[in-house]
């Protein structure tokens, strides 16, 4: 937290199963708001960096979508759980270090912070609890959901030790999310579903000194979903 002057104005913590479309949705939000207002923080980034460092692995391949990552996934999950038991906020602190924007979207890739943050890949209750504890007024939880059929069409297949582990199932029940996004072809458009969240981000940003999101929305053609 030492790099922040005043902290975020809005923290959007995204959860969802593999191939539910979390990253796609959070990227849409960041594109809509702009990188000077919104940063996406991916919790798996510092986890993979630390895991690669301790095990002498290729970080670039571990961060990529290929088979290299898959062969280490189960062991990496267990290693991550051990670190979390020792220090529940370890990876959250690493992910948020240096962020400066007013809107934070908590996900799987790292960047800096002005006042809004989106966390796109919270996987455990301890992740959510850390943000609720550190930013109780700013944190909003968002669940992205898709059917198994849709996830399979996107390339998902059940993997024992991964899809039945806490990293995938830890938030399936017991959490009342602030927002639920249904990422399906027959659901309302993502633009329609995201409008209340974008409006909230606009309001908190307009109340942040030095930022005028309204002017940017009127003047920047790229700020559309």
C-alpha atoms as a PDB file:
ATOM      1  CA  UNK A   1       0.000   0.000   0.000  1.00  0.00           C
ATOM      2  CA  UNK A   2       3.000   2.284   0.352  1.00  0.00           C
ATOM      3  CA  UNK A   3       2.897   3.442  -3.288  1.00  0.00           C
ATOM      4  CA  UNK A   4      -0.611   4.862  -3.040  1.00  0.00           C
ATOM      5  CA  UNK A   5      -1.439   8.446  -2.138  1.00  0.00           C
ATOM      6  CA  UNK A   6      -5.114   8.113  -1.369  1.00  0.00           C
ATOM      7  CA  UNK A   7      -6.130   4.619  -2.472  1.00  0.00           C
ATOM      8  CA  UNK A   8      -8.777   3.517  -4.978  1.00  0.00           C
ATOM      9  CA  UNK A   9     -12.261   4.997  -5.239  1.00  0.00           C
ATOM     10  CA  UNK A  10     -13.793   1.773  -6.583  1.00  0.00           C
ATOM     11  CA  UNK A  11     -12.574  -1.833  -6.443  1.00  0.00           C
ATOM     12  CA  UNK A  12     -14.397  -4.339  -8.660  1.00  0.00           C
ATOM     13  CA  UNK A  13     -13.478  -7.897  -7.673  1.00  0.00           C
ATOM     14  CA  UNK A  14     -14.419 -10.369 -10.421  1.00  0.00           C
ATOM     15  CA  UNK A  15     -14.898 -14.092  -9.885  1.00  0.00           C
ATOM     16  CA  UNK A  16     -15.974 -16.915 -12.167  1.00  0.00           C
ATOM     17  CA  UNK A  17     -15.014 -20.351 -13.372  1.00  0.00           C
ATOM     18  CA  UNK A  18     -12.529 -21.153 -16.110  1.00  0.00           C
ATOM     19  CA  UNK A  19     -13.730 -20.079 -19.574  1.00  0.00           C
ATOM     20  CA  UNK A  20     -16.599 -18.067 -18.084  1.00  0.00           C
ATOM     21  CA  UNK A  21     -15.167 -14.982 -19.776  1.00  0.00           C
ATOM     22  CA  UNK A  22     -13.846 -13.034 -16.764  1.00  0.00           C
ATOM     23  CA  UNK A  23     -10.876 -11.593 -18.612  1.00  0.00           C
ATOM     24  CA  UNK A  24     -12.976 -10.648 -21.624  1.00  0.00           C
ATOM     25  CA  UNK A  25     -15.462  -8.776 -19.441  1.00  0.00           C
ATOM     26  CA  UNK A  26     -12.810  -6.962 -17.409  1.00  0.00           C
ATOM     27  CA  UNK A  27     -10.933  -5.969 -20.568  1.00  0.00           C
ATOM     28  CA  UNK A  28     -14.188  -4.456 -21.877  1.00  0.00           C
ATOM     29  CA  UNK A  29     -14.496  -2.370 -18.729  1.00  0.00           C
ATOM     30  CA  UNK A  30     -10.913  -1.149 -18.937  1.00  0.00           C
ATOM     31  CA  UNK A  31     -11.299  -0.291 -22.645  1.00  0.00           C
ATOM     32  CA  UNK A  32     -14.474   1.607 -21.832  1.00  0.00           C
ATOM     33  CA  UNK A  33     -12.980   3.653 -18.992  1.00  0.00           C
ATOM     34  CA  UNK A  34      -9.419   4.013 -20.291  1.00  0.00           C
ATOM     35  CA  UNK A  35      -6.123   2.889 -18.769  1.00  0.00           C
ATOM     36  CA  UNK A  36      -5.506   6.228 -17.057  1.00  0.00           C
ATOM     37  CA  UNK A  37      -8.674   5.756 -15.006  1.00  0.00           C
ATOM     38  CA  UNK A  38      -8.935   1.974 -14.662  1.00  0.00           C
ATOM     39  CA  UNK A  39      -6.349  -0.719 -14.098  1.00  0.00           C
ATOM     40  CA  UNK A  40      -6.821  -4.489 -14.172  1.00  0.00           C
ATOM     41  CA  UNK A  41      -5.011  -6.400 -11.432  1.00  0.00           C
ATOM     42  CA  UNK A  42      -4.702 -10.135 -11.947  1.00  0.00           C
ATOM     43  CA  UNK A  43      -4.052 -12.091  -8.777  1.00  0.00           C
ATOM     44  CA  UNK A  44      -2.505 -15.007 -10.644  1.00  0.00           C
ATOM     45  CA  UNK A  45       0.260 -12.780 -12.021  1.00  0.00           C
ATOM     46  CA  UNK A  46       2.290 -12.446  -8.791  1.00  0.00           C
ATOM     47  CA  UNK A  47       1.431 -16.049  -7.876  1.00  0.00           C
ATOM     48  CA  UNK A  48       2.927 -17.349 -11.128  1.00  0.00           C
ATOM     49  CA  UNK A  49       5.908 -15.023 -10.843  1.00  0.00           C
ATOM     50  CA  UNK A  50       6.712 -16.254  -7.339  1.00  0.00           C
ATOM     51  CA  UNK A  51       6.086 -19.903  -8.298  1.00  0.00           C
ATOM     52  CA  UNK A  52       8.359 -19.648 -11.348  1.00  0.00           C
ATOM     53  CA  UNK A  53      11.074 -17.977  -9.289  1.00  0.00           C
ATOM     54  CA  UNK A  54      11.003 -20.628  -6.553  1.00  0.00           C
ATOM     55  CA  UNK A  55      10.847 -23.555  -9.019  1.00  0.00           C
ATOM     56  CA  UNK A  56      13.197 -22.305 -11.738  1.00  0.00           C
ATOM     57  CA  UNK A  57      10.491 -22.222 -14.441  1.00  0.00           C
ATOM     58  CA  UNK A  58       9.927 -20.080 -17.555  1.00  0.00           C
ATOM     59  CA  UNK A  59       7.661 -17.248 -16.357  1.00  0.00           C
ATOM     60  CA  UNK A  60       6.717 -16.132 -19.873  1.00  0.00           C
ATOM     61  CA  UNK A  61       5.382 -19.579 -20.751  1.00  0.00           C
ATOM     62  CA  UNK A  62       3.730 -19.916 -17.347  1.00  0.00           C
ATOM     63  CA  UNK A  63       1.804 -16.688 -18.019  1.00  0.00           C
ATOM     64  CA  UNK A  64       0.777 -17.829 -21.497  1.00  0.00           C
ATOM     65  CA  UNK A  65      -2.203 -19.933 -22.616  1.00  0.00           C
ATOM     66  CA  UNK A  66      -0.234 -23.002 -23.759  1.00  0.00           C
ATOM     67  CA  UNK A  67       0.316 -26.525 -22.442  1.00  0.00           C
ATOM     68  CA  UNK A  68       3.381 -25.486 -20.430  1.00  0.00           C
ATOM     69  CA  UNK A  69       1.160 -23.832 -17.823  1.00  0.00           C
ATOM     70  CA  UNK A  70      -1.257 -26.768 -17.714  1.00  0.00           C
ATOM     71  CA  UNK A  71       1.379 -29.301 -16.700  1.00  0.00           C
ATOM     72  CA  UNK A  72       2.179 -27.247 -13.598  1.00  0.00           C
ATOM     73  CA  UNK A  73      -1.332 -26.010 -12.808  1.00  0.00           C
ATOM     74  CA  UNK A  74      -2.290 -28.596 -10.139  1.00  0.00           C
ATOM     75  CA  UNK A  75       1.015 -28.282  -8.272  1.00  0.00           C
ATOM     76  CA  UNK A  76       0.907 -24.485  -8.549  1.00  0.00           C
ATOM     77  CA  UNK A  77      -2.576 -24.490  -6.995  1.00  0.00           C
ATOM     78  CA  UNK A  78      -1.375 -26.551  -4.031  1.00  0.00           C
ATOM     79  CA  UNK A  79       1.714 -24.367  -3.611  1.00  0.00           C
ATOM     80  CA  UNK A  80      -0.482 -21.242  -3.714  1.00  0.00           C
ATOM     81  CA  UNK A  81      -2.823 -22.662  -1.069  1.00  0.00           C
ATOM     82  CA  UNK A  82       0.136 -23.283   1.234  1.00  0.00           C
ATOM     83  CA  UNK A  83       1.324 -19.694   0.838  1.00  0.00           C
ATOM     84  CA  UNK A  84      -2.206 -18.383   1.480  1.00  0.00           C
ATOM     85  CA  UNK A  85      -2.543 -20.433   4.653  1.00  0.00           C
ATOM     86  CA  UNK A  86       0.696 -18.879   5.873  1.00  0.00           C
ATOM     87  CA  UNK A  87      -0.348 -15.358   4.825  1.00  0.00           C
ATOM     88  CA  UNK A  88      -3.883 -14.910   3.349  1.00  0.00           C
ATOM     89  CA  UNK A  89      -3.100 -11.464   1.903  1.00  0.00           C
ATOM     90  CA  UNK A  90       0.281 -12.330   0.354  1.00  0.00           C
ATOM     91  CA  UNK A  91      -0.764 -12.384  -3.328  1.00  0.00           C
ATOM     92  CA  UNK A  92      -3.322  -9.573  -2.953  1.00  0.00           C
ATOM     93  CA  UNK A  93      -0.642  -7.241  -1.606  1.00  0.00           C
ATOM     94  CA  UNK A  94       1.715  -8.133  -4.444  1.00  0.00           C
ATOM     95  CA  UNK A  95      -1.014  -7.579  -7.040  1.00  0.00           C
ATOM     96  CA  UNK A  96      -2.038  -4.143  -5.767  1.00  0.00           C
ATOM     97  CA  UNK A  97       1.452  -2.781  -5.141  1.00  0.00           C
ATOM     98  CA  UNK A  98       2.082   0.332  -7.210  1.00  0.00           C
ATOM     99  CA  UNK A  99      -1.509   0.707  -8.486  1.00  0.00           C
ATOM    100  CA  UNK A 100      -2.542   4.369  -8.735  1.00  0.00           C
ATOM    101  CA  UNK A 101      -5.783   4.666 -10.758  1.00  0.00           C
ATOM    102  CA  UNK A 102      -9.152   5.456  -9.097  1.00  0.00           C
ATOM    103  CA  UNK A 103     -10.858   2.311 -10.453  1.00  0.00           C
ATOM    104  CA  UNK A 104      -9.362  -1.108  -9.795  1.00  0.00           C
ATOM    105  CA  UNK A 105     -10.537  -4.233 -11.611  1.00  0.00           C
ATOM    106  CA  UNK A 106      -9.082  -7.264  -9.858  1.00  0.00           C
ATOM    107  CA  UNK A 107      -8.168  -9.939 -12.418  1.00  0.00           C
ATOM    108  CA  UNK A 108      -5.095 -11.762 -13.781  1.00  0.00           C
ATOM    109  CA  UNK A 109      -2.815  -9.055 -15.196  1.00  0.00           C
ATOM    110  CA  UNK A 110      -0.919  -6.339 -13.384  1.00  0.00           C
ATOM    111  CA  UNK A 111      -0.867  -2.591 -13.964  1.00  0.00           C
ATOM    112  CA  UNK A 112      -0.898   0.621 -11.895  1.00  0.00           C
ATOM    113  CA  UNK A 113      -3.688   2.508 -10.046  1.00  0.00           C
ATOM    114  CA  UNK A 114      -5.424   5.995 -10.031  1.00  0.00           C
ATOM    115  CA  UNK A 115      -8.486   5.258  -8.025  1.00  0.00           C
ATOM    116  CA  UNK A 116     -10.484   2.493  -9.665  1.00  0.00           C
ATOM    117  CA  UNK A 117      -9.428  -1.115  -9.680  1.00  0.00           C
ATOM    118  CA  UNK A 118     -10.903  -4.233 -11.238  1.00  0.00           C
ATOM    119  CA  UNK A 119      -9.842  -7.577  -9.802  1.00  0.00           C
ATOM    120  CA  UNK A 120     -10.823 -10.083 -12.449  1.00  0.00           C
ATOM    121  CA  UNK A 121      -9.763 -13.380 -10.992  1.00  0.00           C
ATOM    122  CA  UNK A 122     -10.497 -13.726  -7.291  1.00  0.00           C
ATOM    123  CA  UNK A 123     -10.813 -17.454  -6.662  1.00  0.00           C
ATOM    124  CA  UNK A 124     -11.088 -17.894  -2.921  1.00  0.00           C
ATOM    125  CA  UNK A 125     -13.109 -16.398  -0.109  1.00  0.00           C
ATOM    126  CA  UNK A 126      -9.842 -15.225   1.454  1.00  0.00           C
ATOM    127  CA  UNK A 127      -9.207 -13.057  -1.641  1.00  0.00           C
ATOM    128  CA  UNK A 128     -12.572 -11.341  -1.296  1.00  0.00           C
ATOM    129  CA  UNK A 129     -12.175 -11.023   2.459  1.00  0.00           C
ATOM    130  CA  UNK A 130      -8.844  -9.245   2.013  1.00  0.00           C
ATOM    131  CA  UNK A 131     -10.354  -6.584  -0.268  1.00  0.00           C
ATOM    132  CA  UNK A 132     -13.420  -6.237   1.964  1.00  0.00           C
ATOM    133  CA  UNK A 133     -11.079  -5.686   4.910  1.00  0.00           C
ATOM    134  CA  UNK A 134      -8.652  -3.305   3.172  1.00  0.00           C
ATOM    135  CA  UNK A 135     -11.248  -1.353   1.133  1.00  0.00           C
ATOM    136  CA  UNK A 136     -14.620  -1.893   2.857  1.00  0.00           C
ATOM    137  CA  UNK A 137     -16.356   1.110   1.275  1.00  0.00           C
ATOM    138  CA  UNK A 138     -14.904   0.743  -2.233  1.00  0.00           C
ATOM    139  CA  UNK A 139     -15.134  -3.005  -2.904  1.00  0.00           C
ATOM    140  CA  UNK A 140     -17.885  -4.471  -5.102  1.00  0.00           C
ATOM    141  CA  UNK A 141     -17.969  -8.187  -5.967  1.00  0.00           C
ATOM    142  CA  UNK A 142     -18.909  -9.326  -9.478  1.00  0.00           C
ATOM    143  CA  UNK A 143     -19.645 -12.905 -10.570  1.00  0.00           C
ATOM    144  CA  UNK A 144     -19.293 -13.832 -14.256  1.00  0.00           C
ATOM    145  CA  UNK A 145     -21.219 -17.006 -15.047  1.00  0.00           C
ATOM    146  CA  UNK A 146     -21.574 -19.264 -18.087  1.00  0.00           C
ATOM    147  CA  UNK A 147     -23.079 -22.713 -18.529  1.00  0.00           C
ATOM    148  CA  UNK A 148     -20.890 -25.804 -18.786  1.00  0.00           C
ATOM    149  CA  UNK A 149     -22.035 -26.170 -22.386  1.00  0.00           C
ATOM    150  CA  UNK A 150     -20.823 -22.694 -23.273  1.00  0.00           C
ATOM    151  CA  UNK A 151     -17.555 -23.135 -21.384  1.00  0.00           C
ATOM    152  CA  UNK A 152     -16.904 -26.398 -23.263  1.00  0.00           C
ATOM    153  CA  UNK A 153     -17.485 -24.573 -26.548  1.00  0.00           C
ATOM    154  CA  UNK A 154     -14.776 -22.146 -25.434  1.00  0.00           C
ATOM    155  CA  UNK A 155     -12.334 -24.993 -24.837  1.00  0.00           C
ATOM    156  CA  UNK A 156     -12.958 -25.974 -21.229  1.00  0.00           C
ATOM    157  CA  UNK A 157     -12.842 -29.593 -20.094  1.00  0.00           C
ATOM    158  CA  UNK A 158     -13.042 -30.913 -16.536  1.00  0.00           C
ATOM    159  CA  UNK A 159      -9.668 -31.560 -14.927  1.00  0.00           C
ATOM    160  CA  UNK A 160      -9.464 -33.449 -11.614  1.00  0.00           C
ATOM    161  CA  UNK A 161      -7.454 -31.543  -9.037  1.00  0.00           C
ATOM    162  CA  UNK A 162      -8.165 -28.256 -10.806  1.00  0.00           C
ATOM    163  CA  UNK A 163     -11.909 -27.898 -11.424  1.00  0.00           C
ATOM    164  CA  UNK A 164     -12.824 -29.565  -8.131  1.00  0.00           C
ATOM    165  CA  UNK A 165     -10.256 -27.566  -6.113  1.00  0.00           C
ATOM    166  CA  UNK A 166     -10.901 -24.473  -3.991  1.00  0.00           C
ATOM    167  CA  UNK A 167      -9.369 -22.295  -6.712  1.00  0.00           C
ATOM    168  CA  UNK A 168     -12.399 -23.117  -8.891  1.00  0.00           C
ATOM    169  CA  UNK A 169     -15.104 -23.948  -6.359  1.00  0.00           C
ATOM    170  CA  UNK A 170     -14.281 -21.774  -3.343  1.00  0.00           C
ATOM    171  CA  UNK A 171     -16.783 -19.056  -4.306  1.00  0.00           C
ATOM    172  CA  UNK A 172     -19.545 -21.259  -5.733  1.00  0.00           C
ATOM    173  CA  UNK A 173     -21.695 -20.747  -2.635  1.00  0.00           C
ATOM    174  CA  UNK A 174     -21.866 -18.701   0.535  1.00  0.00           C
ATOM    175  CA  UNK A 175     -21.234 -15.324  -1.166  1.00  0.00           C
ATOM    176  CA  UNK A 176     -23.903 -12.766  -2.025  1.00  0.00           C
ATOM    177  CA  UNK A 177     -22.403 -10.947  -5.015  1.00  0.00           C
ATOM    178  CA  UNK A 178     -23.135  -7.294  -5.687  1.00  0.00           C
ATOM    179  CA  UNK A 179     -23.409  -7.960  -9.429  1.00  0.00           C
ATOM    180  CA  UNK A 180     -23.925 -11.074 -11.578  1.00  0.00           C
ATOM    181  CA  UNK A 181     -22.962 -11.011 -15.267  1.00  0.00           C
ATOM    182  CA  UNK A 182     -24.291 -13.820 -17.476  1.00  0.00           C
ATOM    183  CA  UNK A 183     -21.897 -14.324 -20.373  1.00  0.00           C
ATOM    184  CA  UNK A 184     -24.075 -16.356 -22.748  1.00  0.00           C
ATOM    185  CA  UNK A 185     -25.171 -15.876 -26.359  1.00  0.00           C
ATOM    186  CA  UNK A 186     -28.874 -15.790 -25.384  1.00  0.00           C
ATOM    187  CA  UNK A 187     -28.377 -13.451 -22.399  1.00  0.00           C
ATOM    188  CA  UNK A 188     -28.755  -9.656 -22.559  1.00  0.00           C
ATOM    189  CA  UNK A 189     -25.741  -8.043 -24.218  1.00  0.00           C
ATOM    190  CA  UNK A 190     -22.669  -7.451 -22.078  1.00  0.00           C
ATOM    191  CA  UNK A 191     -22.959  -3.754 -22.850  1.00  0.00           C
ATOM    192  CA  UNK A 192     -26.443  -3.721 -21.322  1.00  0.00           C
ATOM    193  CA  UNK A 193     -25.416  -5.765 -18.280  1.00  0.00           C
ATOM    194  CA  UNK A 194     -22.325  -3.638 -17.641  1.00  0.00           C
ATOM    195  CA  UNK A 195     -24.058  -0.254 -17.845  1.00  0.00           C
ATOM    196  CA  UNK A 196     -24.851   0.004 -14.076  1.00  0.00           C
ATOM    197  CA  UNK A 197     -21.237  -0.871 -13.206  1.00  0.00           C
ATOM    198  CA  UNK A 198     -19.860   1.625 -15.743  1.00  0.00           C
ATOM    199  CA  UNK A 199     -22.228   4.274 -14.416  1.00  0.00           C
ATOM    200  CA  UNK A 200     -20.976   3.658 -10.885  1.00  0.00           C
ATOM    201  CA  UNK A 201     -17.373   3.951 -12.110  1.00  0.00           C
ATOM    202  CA  UNK A 202     -18.273   7.208 -13.859  1.00  0.00           C
ATOM    203  CA  UNK A 203     -19.776   8.676 -10.696  1.00  0.00           C
ATOM    204  CA  UNK A 204     -16.816   7.868  -8.455  1.00  0.00           C
ATOM    205  CA  UNK A 205     -14.365   9.093 -11.090  1.00  0.00           C
ATOM    206  CA  UNK A 206     -16.173  12.398 -11.520  1.00  0.00           C
ATOM    207  CA  UNK A 207     -15.792  12.825  -7.769  1.00  0.00           C
ATOM    208  CA  UNK A 208     -12.032  12.249  -8.026  1.00  0.00           C
ATOM    209  CA  UNK A 209      -9.973  15.420  -8.201  1.00  0.00           C
ATOM    210  CA  UNK A 210      -8.203  15.882 -11.526  1.00  0.00           C
ATOM    211  CA  UNK A 211     -10.416  13.527 -13.556  1.00  0.00           C
ATOM    212  CA  UNK A 212     -13.375  14.249 -15.813  1.00  0.00           C
ATOM    213  CA  UNK A 213     -14.584  10.945 -17.201  1.00  0.00           C
ATOM    214  CA  UNK A 214     -17.650  12.684 -18.606  1.00  0.00           C
ATOM    215  CA  UNK A 215     -15.469  14.837 -20.850  1.00  0.00           C
ATOM    216  CA  UNK A 216     -13.479  11.793 -21.930  1.00  0.00           C
ATOM    217  CA  UNK A 217     -16.597   9.784 -22.713  1.00  0.00           C
ATOM    218  CA  UNK A 218     -17.824  12.640 -24.898  1.00  0.00           C
ATOM    219  CA  UNK A 219     -14.512  13.165 -26.651  1.00  0.00           C
ATOM    220  CA  UNK A 220     -12.899   9.754 -27.014  1.00  0.00           C
ATOM    221  CA  UNK A 221     -14.473   7.523 -29.645  1.00  0.00           C
ATOM    222  CA  UNK A 222     -12.575   4.452 -28.417  1.00  0.00           C
ATOM    223  CA  UNK A 223     -14.443   4.481 -25.115  1.00  0.00           C
ATOM    224  CA  UNK A 224     -17.267   2.306 -26.366  1.00  0.00           C
ATOM    225  CA  UNK A 225     -18.028  -1.365 -25.837  1.00  0.00           C
END
